Amino acid sequence: MTYVVAEPCIDVLDKACIEECPVDCLYEGGRMLYIHPDECVDCGACEPVCPVEAIFYVDDLPDQWSVYVTANVEFFEEFGSPGSAAKLGKINRDHPAVDALPRA
């Protein structure tokens, strides 16, 4: 895993990052976006366009958001590697760590 979407994305879902991703590895959950850890090619195109600075290189992720490394991995356990967020479409669920947070 190279890039991670963290807490600032919750209830924002701007999606500018989706437009920049050359491999379509940003998937939309119910309240936030998730980067598929096996599909990301570590290009970093998504990071600078995020208006809420929610995307981090895994080594730069602030400690208080370390749970989002696990969240971005476990979110895909049910789906495996679909190969395209556009093909799969919106997934109307989130990781339990996201579900546990109050709505904005």
N, C-alpha and C. Protein backbone atom coordinates (compact mmCIF):
# COMPACT_ATOMS: atom_id res chain seq x y z
N MET A 1 0.85 -1.18 0.00
CA MET A 1 0.00 0.00 0.00
C MET A 1 0.89 1.24 0.00
N THR A 2 0.49 2.20 -0.79
CA THR A 2 1.28 3.41 -0.88
C THR A 2 0.53 4.66 -0.46
N TYR A 3 -0.68 4.84 -0.91
CA TYR A 3 -1.48 6.01 -0.54
C TYR A 3 -2.72 5.57 0.23
N VAL A 4 -3.17 6.46 1.14
CA VAL A 4 -4.28 6.16 2.03
C VAL A 4 -5.20 7.37 2.07
N VAL A 5 -6.50 7.13 2.05
CA VAL A 5 -7.48 8.19 2.28
C VAL A 5 -7.80 8.16 3.77
N ALA A 6 -7.77 9.33 4.40
CA ALA A 6 -7.97 9.42 5.84
C ALA A 6 -9.21 10.23 6.21
N GLU A 7 -9.36 10.49 7.47
CA GLU A 7 -10.56 11.08 8.06
C GLU A 7 -11.08 12.38 7.43
N PRO A 8 -10.23 13.28 6.94
CA PRO A 8 -10.78 14.51 6.37
C PRO A 8 -11.74 14.29 5.19
N CYS A 9 -11.71 13.12 4.58
CA CYS A 9 -12.60 12.82 3.45
C CYS A 9 -14.02 12.49 3.90
N ILE A 10 -14.18 12.07 5.14
CA ILE A 10 -15.48 11.61 5.61
C ILE A 10 -16.53 12.72 5.47
N ASP A 11 -17.63 12.35 4.84
CA ASP A 11 -18.77 13.22 4.60
C ASP A 11 -18.47 14.40 3.67
N VAL A 12 -17.33 14.35 2.96
CA VAL A 12 -17.00 15.38 1.97
C VAL A 12 -17.16 14.81 0.56
N LEU A 13 -16.45 13.72 0.27
CA LEU A 13 -16.54 13.04 -1.02
C LEU A 13 -16.43 13.99 -2.21
N ASP A 14 -15.41 14.82 -2.24
CA ASP A 14 -15.21 15.78 -3.32
C ASP A 14 -15.01 15.10 -4.68
N LYS A 15 -14.26 14.04 -4.73
CA LYS A 15 -14.02 13.20 -5.92
C LYS A 15 -13.08 13.80 -6.96
N ALA A 16 -12.43 14.92 -6.69
CA ALA A 16 -11.43 15.45 -7.63
C ALA A 16 -10.31 14.44 -7.84
N CYS A 17 -10.01 13.68 -6.81
CA CYS A 17 -8.94 12.68 -6.90
C CYS A 17 -9.29 11.58 -7.90
N ILE A 18 -10.55 11.24 -7.99
CA ILE A 18 -10.98 10.19 -8.92
C ILE A 18 -10.65 10.58 -10.36
N GLU A 19 -10.87 11.83 -10.69
CA GLU A 19 -10.59 12.32 -12.04
C GLU A 19 -9.10 12.25 -12.39
N GLU A 20 -8.24 12.37 -11.39
CA GLU A 20 -6.79 12.38 -11.61
C GLU A 20 -6.16 11.00 -11.63
N CYS A 21 -6.83 10.02 -11.07
CA CYS A 21 -6.25 8.69 -10.94
C CYS A 21 -6.18 7.98 -12.30
N PRO A 22 -4.98 7.65 -12.75
CA PRO A 22 -4.85 7.01 -14.06
C PRO A 22 -5.26 5.53 -14.08
N VAL A 23 -5.39 4.91 -12.91
CA VAL A 23 -5.73 3.49 -12.87
C VAL A 23 -7.09 3.21 -12.22
N ASP A 24 -7.84 4.25 -11.89
CA ASP A 24 -9.19 4.11 -11.36
C ASP A 24 -9.23 3.25 -10.10
N CYS A 25 -8.35 3.58 -9.13
CA CYS A 25 -8.26 2.77 -7.91
C CYS A 25 -8.88 3.45 -6.69
N LEU A 26 -9.57 4.57 -6.89
CA LEU A 26 -10.28 5.25 -5.80
C LEU A 26 -11.75 4.88 -5.87
N TYR A 27 -12.21 4.20 -4.82
CA TYR A 27 -13.58 3.68 -4.78
C TYR A 27 -14.41 4.50 -3.82
N GLU A 28 -15.68 4.71 -4.16
CA GLU A 28 -16.57 5.50 -3.33
C GLU A 28 -17.37 4.60 -2.39
N GLY A 29 -17.19 4.86 -1.10
CA GLY A 29 -18.01 4.21 -0.09
C GLY A 29 -19.18 5.10 0.25
N GLY A 30 -19.86 4.79 1.32
CA GLY A 30 -21.02 5.58 1.71
C GLY A 30 -20.67 6.97 2.18
N ARG A 31 -19.57 7.10 2.94
CA ARG A 31 -19.20 8.39 3.53
C ARG A 31 -17.83 8.89 3.13
N MET A 32 -17.00 8.05 2.52
CA MET A 32 -15.66 8.49 2.12
C MET A 32 -15.17 7.65 0.95
N LEU A 33 -14.03 8.05 0.41
CA LEU A 33 -13.39 7.32 -0.67
C LEU A 33 -12.31 6.42 -0.08
N TYR A 34 -11.99 5.35 -0.80
CA TYR A 34 -10.98 4.40 -0.36
C TYR A 34 -10.05 4.11 -1.54
N ILE A 35 -8.76 3.97 -1.26
CA ILE A 35 -7.79 3.60 -2.29
C ILE A 35 -7.53 2.11 -2.19
N HIS A 36 -7.71 1.42 -3.31
CA HIS A 36 -7.47 -0.02 -3.32
C HIS A 36 -5.96 -0.25 -3.22
N PRO A 37 -5.49 -0.95 -2.19
CA PRO A 37 -4.05 -1.09 -1.96
C PRO A 37 -3.31 -1.89 -3.03
N ASP A 38 -4.00 -2.80 -3.70
CA ASP A 38 -3.34 -3.61 -4.74
C ASP A 38 -3.41 -2.97 -6.12
N GLU A 39 -4.31 -2.04 -6.31
CA GLU A 39 -4.48 -1.41 -7.61
C GLU A 39 -3.73 -0.09 -7.75
N CYS A 40 -3.42 0.55 -6.63
CA CYS A 40 -2.69 1.83 -6.66
C CYS A 40 -1.28 1.60 -7.21
N VAL A 41 -0.88 2.46 -8.13
CA VAL A 41 0.44 2.34 -8.75
C VAL A 41 1.44 3.35 -8.20
N ASP A 42 1.08 4.00 -7.10
CA ASP A 42 1.99 4.91 -6.40
C ASP A 42 2.39 6.12 -7.24
N CYS A 43 1.47 6.61 -8.07
CA CYS A 43 1.81 7.77 -8.92
C CYS A 43 1.68 9.09 -8.17
N GLY A 44 0.81 9.13 -7.16
CA GLY A 44 0.63 10.34 -6.37
C GLY A 44 -0.23 11.41 -7.00
N ALA A 45 -0.85 11.13 -8.13
CA ALA A 45 -1.66 12.14 -8.83
C ALA A 45 -2.86 12.59 -8.00
N CYS A 46 -3.37 11.74 -7.16
CA CYS A 46 -4.56 12.06 -6.37
C CYS A 46 -4.27 13.02 -5.21
N GLU A 47 -3.11 12.92 -4.64
CA GLU A 47 -2.80 13.66 -3.41
C GLU A 47 -2.91 15.18 -3.55
N PRO A 48 -2.30 15.81 -4.54
CA PRO A 48 -2.34 17.27 -4.58
C PRO A 48 -3.70 17.87 -4.96
N VAL A 49 -4.60 17.10 -5.53
CA VAL A 49 -5.89 17.66 -5.94
C VAL A 49 -6.97 17.53 -4.86
N CYS A 50 -6.67 16.84 -3.78
CA CYS A 50 -7.66 16.67 -2.71
C CYS A 50 -7.84 17.99 -1.97
N PRO A 51 -9.04 18.57 -2.02
CA PRO A 51 -9.25 19.89 -1.42
C PRO A 51 -9.22 19.89 0.11
N VAL A 52 -9.38 18.73 0.74
CA VAL A 52 -9.36 18.67 2.20
C VAL A 52 -8.10 17.97 2.73
N GLU A 53 -7.15 17.71 1.85
CA GLU A 53 -5.87 17.08 2.21
C GLU A 53 -6.09 15.79 3.00
N ALA A 54 -6.90 14.91 2.43
CA ALA A 54 -7.23 13.64 3.07
C ALA A 54 -6.40 12.48 2.56
N ILE A 55 -5.59 12.69 1.51
CA ILE A 55 -4.81 11.60 0.92
C ILE A 55 -3.36 11.76 1.32
N PHE A 56 -2.79 10.67 1.83
CA PHE A 56 -1.42 10.70 2.33
C PHE A 56 -0.64 9.52 1.79
N TYR A 57 0.64 9.75 1.52
CA TYR A 57 1.56 8.64 1.31
C TYR A 57 1.59 7.92 2.66
N VAL A 58 1.55 6.62 2.67
CA VAL A 58 1.39 5.85 3.91
C VAL A 58 2.43 6.23 4.97
N ASP A 59 3.66 6.51 4.58
CA ASP A 59 4.70 6.88 5.55
C ASP A 59 4.50 8.28 6.11
N ASP A 60 3.67 9.09 5.46
CA ASP A 60 3.42 10.46 5.91
C ASP A 60 2.08 10.61 6.64
N LEU A 61 1.36 9.53 6.79
CA LEU A 61 0.05 9.57 7.44
C LEU A 61 0.22 9.95 8.91
N PRO A 62 -0.48 10.99 9.37
CA PRO A 62 -0.39 11.36 10.79
C PRO A 62 -0.81 10.20 11.69
N ASP A 63 -0.13 10.06 12.82
CA ASP A 63 -0.39 8.95 13.74
C ASP A 63 -1.84 8.84 14.16
N GLN A 64 -2.52 9.98 14.34
CA GLN A 64 -3.90 9.92 14.82
C GLN A 64 -4.84 9.29 13.79
N TRP A 65 -4.40 9.15 12.56
CA TRP A 65 -5.22 8.54 11.52
C TRP A 65 -4.67 7.19 11.04
N SER A 66 -3.83 6.56 11.84
CA SER A 66 -3.22 5.29 11.43
C SER A 66 -4.26 4.19 11.17
N VAL A 67 -5.43 4.28 11.80
CA VAL A 67 -6.49 3.29 11.57
C VAL A 67 -6.93 3.25 10.11
N TYR A 68 -6.70 4.32 9.37
CA TYR A 68 -7.15 4.37 7.97
C TYR A 68 -6.29 3.52 7.03
N VAL A 69 -5.12 3.12 7.48
CA VAL A 69 -4.35 2.15 6.69
C VAL A 69 -5.15 0.84 6.66
N THR A 70 -5.56 0.39 7.84
CA THR A 70 -6.36 -0.82 7.95
C THR A 70 -7.70 -0.66 7.25
N ALA A 71 -8.33 0.48 7.44
CA ALA A 71 -9.65 0.72 6.84
C ALA A 71 -9.60 0.62 5.32
N ASN A 72 -8.54 1.18 4.70
CA ASN A 72 -8.43 1.13 3.25
C ASN A 72 -8.16 -0.29 2.75
N VAL A 73 -7.51 -1.11 3.55
CA VAL A 73 -7.28 -2.52 3.17
C VAL A 73 -8.54 -3.35 3.39
N GLU A 74 -9.10 -3.27 4.58
CA GLU A 74 -10.24 -4.12 4.94
C GLU A 74 -11.51 -3.78 4.16
N PHE A 75 -11.63 -2.56 3.70
CA PHE A 75 -12.80 -2.16 2.92
C PHE A 75 -12.99 -3.07 1.71
N PHE A 76 -11.88 -3.59 1.15
CA PHE A 76 -11.93 -4.37 -0.08
C PHE A 76 -11.96 -5.88 0.15
N GLU A 77 -11.97 -6.33 1.38
CA GLU A 77 -11.93 -7.77 1.63
C GLU A 77 -13.08 -8.52 0.98
N GLU A 78 -14.25 -7.93 0.95
CA GLU A 78 -15.42 -8.57 0.36
C GLU A 78 -15.36 -8.60 -1.17
N PHE A 79 -14.68 -7.63 -1.78
CA PHE A 79 -14.69 -7.47 -3.23
C PHE A 79 -13.44 -7.97 -3.93
N GLY A 80 -12.37 -8.15 -3.19
CA GLY A 80 -11.11 -8.51 -3.82
C GLY A 80 -10.58 -7.34 -4.62
N SER A 81 -10.16 -7.60 -5.84
CA SER A 81 -9.62 -6.56 -6.71
C SER A 81 -10.48 -6.45 -7.97
N PRO A 82 -11.51 -5.59 -7.92
CA PRO A 82 -12.41 -5.46 -9.07
C PRO A 82 -11.73 -4.92 -10.32
N GLY A 83 -10.62 -4.20 -10.16
CA GLY A 83 -9.89 -3.69 -11.31
C GLY A 83 -10.35 -2.35 -11.83
N SER A 84 -11.45 -1.83 -11.32
CA SER A 84 -11.95 -0.54 -11.79
C SER A 84 -13.06 -0.04 -10.88
N ALA A 85 -12.85 1.12 -10.31
CA ALA A 85 -13.89 1.71 -9.47
C ALA A 85 -15.12 2.04 -10.30
N ALA A 86 -14.92 2.52 -11.52
CA ALA A 86 -16.05 2.88 -12.38
C ALA A 86 -16.89 1.65 -12.70
N LYS A 87 -16.24 0.52 -12.89
CA LYS A 87 -16.95 -0.71 -13.20
C LYS A 87 -17.80 -1.18 -12.01
N LEU A 88 -17.27 -1.03 -10.80
CA LEU A 88 -17.98 -1.48 -9.61
C LEU A 88 -19.04 -0.48 -9.16
N GLY A 89 -18.77 0.80 -9.33
CA GLY A 89 -19.71 1.83 -8.90
C GLY A 89 -19.65 2.10 -7.41
N LYS A 90 -20.54 2.92 -6.93
CA LYS A 90 -20.58 3.29 -5.52
C LYS A 90 -20.91 2.07 -4.67
N ILE A 91 -20.19 1.95 -3.57
CA ILE A 91 -20.40 0.87 -2.61
C ILE A 91 -21.07 1.51 -1.39
N ASN A 92 -22.30 1.19 -1.15
CA ASN A 92 -23.07 1.86 -0.09
C ASN A 92 -22.79 1.30 1.29
N ARG A 93 -21.52 1.28 1.65
CA ARG A 93 -21.12 0.89 3.00
C ARG A 93 -19.74 1.50 3.27
N ASP A 94 -19.33 1.44 4.51
CA ASP A 94 -18.02 1.95 4.90
C ASP A 94 -17.35 0.99 5.85
N HIS A 95 -16.10 1.24 6.11
CA HIS A 95 -15.37 0.46 7.11
C HIS A 95 -15.98 0.78 8.48
N PRO A 96 -16.01 -0.18 9.41
CA PRO A 96 -16.58 0.07 10.73
C PRO A 96 -15.98 1.28 11.48
N ALA A 97 -14.71 1.58 11.25
CA ALA A 97 -14.09 2.74 11.89
C ALA A 97 -14.73 4.04 11.41
N VAL A 98 -15.16 4.06 10.17
CA VAL A 98 -15.85 5.23 9.60
C VAL A 98 -17.29 5.26 10.09
N ASP A 99 -17.94 4.12 10.07
CA ASP A 99 -19.32 4.04 10.56
C ASP A 99 -19.47 4.50 12.01
N ALA A 100 -18.43 4.28 12.80
CA ALA A 100 -18.48 4.62 14.23
C ALA A 100 -18.41 6.11 14.49
N LEU A 101 -17.98 6.90 13.51
CA LEU A 101 -17.84 8.34 13.71
C LEU A 101 -19.17 9.04 13.51
N PRO A 102 -19.42 10.11 14.27
CA PRO A 102 -20.68 10.86 14.10
C PRO A 102 -20.73 11.52 12.73
N ARG A 103 -21.91 11.68 12.22
CA ARG A 103 -22.10 12.35 10.92
C ARG A 103 -21.89 13.84 11.08
N ALA A 104 -21.38 14.44 10.00
CA ALA A 104 -21.12 15.88 10.03
C ALA A 104 -22.40 16.66 10.01
